[in-house]
C-alpha atoms as a PDB file:
ATOM      1  CA  GLU A   1       9.982 -11.541  51.982  1.00  0.00           C
ATOM      2  CA  THR A   2       9.227 -10.117  48.546  1.00  0.00           C
ATOM      3  CA  SER A   3      11.210 -10.743  45.436  1.00  0.00           C
ATOM      4  CA  PRO A   4      12.484  -7.769  43.474  1.00  0.00           C
ATOM      5  CA  THR A   5      10.385  -6.865  40.467  1.00  0.00           C
ATOM      6  CA  THR A   6      11.959  -6.400  37.124  1.00  0.00           C
ATOM      7  CA  PRO A   7      10.657  -3.356  35.316  1.00  0.00           C
ATOM      8  CA  VAL A   8       8.954  -4.185  32.063  1.00  0.00           C
ATOM      9  CA  ALA A   9      10.165  -2.112  29.160  1.00  0.00           C
ATOM     10  CA  THR A  10       7.312  -0.539  27.281  1.00  0.00           C
ATOM     11  CA  LYS A  11       7.496   1.658  24.248  1.00  0.00           C
ATOM     12  CA  SER A  12       5.639   4.893  23.956  1.00  0.00           C
ATOM     13  CA  ALA A  13       3.361   5.501  20.997  1.00  0.00           C
ATOM     14  CA  SER A  14       5.890   7.946  19.574  1.00  0.00           C
ATOM     15  CA  GLN A  15       8.683   5.356  19.842  1.00  0.00           C
ATOM     16  CA  GLN A  16       6.501   2.754  18.117  1.00  0.00           C
ATOM     17  CA  SER A  17       5.573   5.276  15.439  1.00  0.00           C
ATOM     18  CA  ALA A  18       9.222   6.209  14.899  1.00  0.00           C
ATOM     19  CA  GLU A  19      10.165   2.556  14.518  1.00  0.00           C
ATOM     20  CA  ALA A  20       7.339   1.906  12.060  1.00  0.00           C
ATOM     21  CA  SER A  21       8.341   4.869   9.913  1.00  0.00           C
ATOM     22  CA  ALA A  22      12.022   3.960  10.056  1.00  0.00           C
ATOM     23  CA  THR A  23      11.479   0.626   8.320  1.00  0.00           C
ATOM     24  CA  TYR A  24      10.950   2.158   4.852  1.00  0.00           C
ATOM     25  CA  LYS A  25      13.289   4.414   2.906  1.00  0.00           C
ATOM     26  CA  ASP A  26      11.853   7.711   1.731  1.00  0.00           C
ATOM     27  CA  GLY A  27      11.540   7.899  -2.028  1.00  0.00           C
ATOM     28  CA  THR A  28       9.359   7.184  -5.023  1.00  0.00           C
ATOM     29  CA  TYR A  29       8.766   3.569  -6.015  1.00  0.00           C
ATOM     30  CA  SER A  30       6.880   1.852  -8.832  1.00  0.00           C
ATOM     31  CA  ALA A  31       5.614  -1.670  -9.381  1.00  0.00           C
ATOM     32  CA  THR A  32       3.020  -3.510 -11.427  1.00  0.00           C
ATOM     33  CA  GLY A  33       0.473  -5.728  -9.727  1.00  0.00           C
ATOM     34  CA  SER A  34      -1.518  -8.428 -11.456  1.00  0.00           C
ATOM     35  CA  TYR A  35      -4.820 -10.099 -10.708  1.00  0.00           C
ATOM     36  CA  SER A  36      -7.250 -12.501 -12.331  1.00  0.00           C
ATOM     37  CA  SER A  37     -10.514 -11.141 -13.669  1.00  0.00           C
ATOM     38  CA  PRO A  38     -13.359 -13.006 -15.385  1.00  0.00           C
ATOM     39  CA  GLY A  39     -11.781 -11.872 -18.669  1.00  0.00           C
ATOM     40  CA  GLY A  40      -8.298 -13.159 -17.788  1.00  0.00           C
ATOM     41  CA  ASN A  41      -5.159 -11.779 -16.202  1.00  0.00           C
ATOM     42  CA  GLU A  42      -4.939  -7.999 -15.793  1.00  0.00           C
ATOM     43  CA  GLU A  43      -2.263  -5.594 -14.552  1.00  0.00           C
ATOM     44  CA  ILE A  44      -2.161  -2.148 -12.983  1.00  0.00           C
ATOM     45  CA  ALA A  45       0.966  -0.061 -12.466  1.00  0.00           C
ATOM     46  CA  ILE A  46       1.332   1.843  -9.187  1.00  0.00           C
ATOM     47  CA  THR A  47       3.757   4.561  -8.146  1.00  0.00           C
ATOM     48  CA  VAL A  48       3.958   5.783  -4.551  1.00  0.00           C
ATOM     49  CA  THR A  49       6.093   8.343  -2.793  1.00  0.00           C
ATOM     50  CA  ILE A  50       7.020   7.491   0.790  1.00  0.00           C
ATOM     51  CA  ALA A  51       8.076   9.981   3.470  1.00  0.00           C
ATOM     52  CA  SER A  52       8.505   8.962   7.120  1.00  0.00           C
ATOM     53  CA  GLY A  53       6.718   5.679   6.470  1.00  0.00           C
ATOM     54  CA  ASN A  54       3.611   7.318   4.996  1.00  0.00           C
ATOM     55  CA  ILE A  55       2.438   7.569   1.417  1.00  0.00           C
ATOM     56  CA  THR A  56       2.533  11.220   0.373  1.00  0.00           C
ATOM     57  CA  ALA A  57       1.707  10.822  -3.329  1.00  0.00           C
ATOM     58  CA  THR A  58       0.502   8.064  -5.618  1.00  0.00           C
ATOM     59  CA  GLU A  59      -0.435   7.373  -9.228  1.00  0.00           C
ATOM     60  CA  ALA A  60      -2.176   4.388 -10.784  1.00  0.00           C
ATOM     61  CA  THR A  61      -1.712   3.606 -14.463  1.00  0.00           C
ATOM     62  CA  PRO A  62      -4.323   1.230 -15.898  1.00  0.00           C
ATOM     63  CA  LYS A  63      -2.859  -1.557 -18.041  1.00  0.00           C
ATOM     64  CA  ALA A  64      -6.029  -3.577 -18.557  1.00  0.00           C
ATOM     65  CA  ALA A  65      -6.349  -5.834 -21.574  1.00  0.00           C
ATOM     66  CA  SER A  66     -10.155  -5.914 -21.710  1.00  0.00           C
ATOM     67  CA  ASN A  67     -12.475  -2.926 -22.044  1.00  0.00           C
ATOM     68  CA  GLU A  68     -14.490  -3.939 -18.977  1.00  0.00           C
ATOM     69  CA  SER A  69     -11.358  -4.194 -16.838  1.00  0.00           C
ATOM     70  CA  ARG A  70     -10.150  -0.871 -18.242  1.00  0.00           C
ATOM     71  CA  ASP A  71     -13.401   0.744 -17.049  1.00  0.00           C
ATOM     72  CA  TYR A  72     -12.928  -0.680 -13.549  1.00  0.00           C
ATOM     73  CA  GLN A  73      -9.276   0.382 -13.462  1.00  0.00           C
ATOM     74  CA  ASP A  74     -10.181   3.903 -14.621  1.00  0.00           C
ATOM     75  CA  GLU A  75     -12.762   4.163 -11.811  1.00  0.00           C
ATOM     76  CA  PHE A  76     -10.224   2.826  -9.330  1.00  0.00           C
ATOM     77  CA  ALA A  77      -7.549   5.292 -10.479  1.00  0.00           C
ATOM     78  CA  ALA A  78      -9.987   8.196 -10.195  1.00  0.00           C
ATOM     79  CA  ASN A  79     -11.063   7.347  -6.637  1.00  0.00           C
ATOM     80  CA  TYR A  80      -8.436   5.416  -4.658  1.00  0.00           C
ATOM     81  CA  LYS A  81      -6.100   8.237  -3.593  1.00  0.00           C
ATOM     82  CA  GLU A  82      -8.178   9.379  -0.620  1.00  0.00           C
ATOM     83  CA  GLN A  83      -7.754   5.878   0.845  1.00  0.00           C
ATOM     84  CA  VAL A  84      -3.979   5.917   0.304  1.00  0.00           C
ATOM     85  CA  ILE A  85      -2.495   9.402   0.783  1.00  0.00           C
ATOM     86  CA  GLY A  86      -1.322   9.954   4.347  1.00  0.00           C
ATOM     87  CA  LYS A  87      -1.583   6.259   5.253  1.00  0.00           C
ATOM     88  CA  ALA A  88       1.255   4.142   6.636  1.00  0.00           C
ATOM     89  CA  ILE A  89       2.681   1.983   3.866  1.00  0.00           C
ATOM     90  CA  GLY A  90       3.409  -0.830   6.304  1.00  0.00           C
ATOM     91  CA  SER A  91      -0.242  -1.512   7.101  1.00  0.00           C
ATOM     92  CA  LEU A  92      -2.133  -0.322   4.024  1.00  0.00           C
ATOM     93  CA  ASN A  93      -4.381  -2.891   2.347  1.00  0.00           C
ATOM     94  CA  LEU A  94      -7.165  -1.698   0.047  1.00  0.00           C
ATOM     95  CA  GLY A  95     -10.520  -3.387  -0.314  1.00  0.00           C
ATOM     96  CA  ASN A  96     -13.263  -2.429  -2.747  1.00  0.00           C
ATOM     97  CA  VAL A  97     -12.711   0.969  -4.417  1.00  0.00           C
ATOM     98  CA  SER A  98     -15.474   2.350  -6.640  1.00  0.00           C
ATOM     99  CA  GLY A  99     -16.938  -1.110  -7.190  1.00  0.00           C
ATOM    100  CA  SER A 100     -13.597  -2.596  -8.150  1.00  0.00           C
ATOM    101  CA  SER A 101     -12.390  -5.214  -5.704  1.00  0.00           C
ATOM    102  CA  LEU A 102     -10.190  -6.994  -8.257  1.00  0.00           C
ATOM    103  CA  THR A 103      -8.209  -3.879  -9.176  1.00  0.00           C
ATOM    104  CA  SER A 104      -7.568  -3.408  -5.444  1.00  0.00           C
ATOM    105  CA  ARG A 105      -5.947  -6.857  -5.435  1.00  0.00           C
ATOM    106  CA  GLY A 106      -3.578  -5.698  -8.166  1.00  0.00           C
ATOM    107  CA  PHE A 107      -2.853  -2.517  -6.192  1.00  0.00           C
ATOM    108  CA  ASN A 108      -2.133  -4.529  -3.032  1.00  0.00           C
ATOM    109  CA  GLU A 109       0.204  -6.865  -4.940  1.00  0.00           C
ATOM    110  CA  ALA A 110       2.092  -3.875  -6.380  1.00  0.00           C
ATOM    111  CA  LEU A 111       2.257  -2.340  -2.895  1.00  0.00           C
ATOM    112  CA  ASP A 112       3.794  -5.573  -1.537  1.00  0.00           C
ATOM    113  CA  ILE A 113       6.509  -5.318  -4.202  1.00  0.00           C
ATOM    114  CA  ILE A 114       7.084  -1.648  -3.320  1.00  0.00           C
ATOM    115  CA  ARG A 115       7.324  -2.514   0.391  1.00  0.00           C
ATOM    116  CA  SER A 116      10.102  -4.984  -0.385  1.00  0.00           C
ATOM    117  CA  GLN A 117      11.888  -2.378  -2.562  1.00  0.00           C
ATOM    118  CA  ALA A 118      11.629   0.331   0.113  1.00  0.00           C
ATOM    119  CA  LYS A 119      12.366  -1.766   3.184  1.00  0.00           C
ATOM    120  CA  VAL A 120      15.484  -0.653   5.048  1.00  0.00           C
END
């Protein structure tokens, strides 16, 4: 005698994708992230536009206090977009961009704030 099997519910990739994109409200959000550098605390302001859970536009505004940090933030701002545009906001986490790993920390902190603002 065999026991009846219970079908296991699985979600298709499109269902999973739809759920992931449904967790964030479309719109434009801004936040400032901070990080510690050898010269002290620094900040960078980030704005992202979200559509269907993906980042469709972004701007970074350097707010560095020291000249060295300003140089790193300027390099970051000039080169980070290709790693952000078109990516899912829910899983994005930047590492080193143009030699600036600390500015990426500030970006990631700002993105965490934006995630909480945009969460449905």
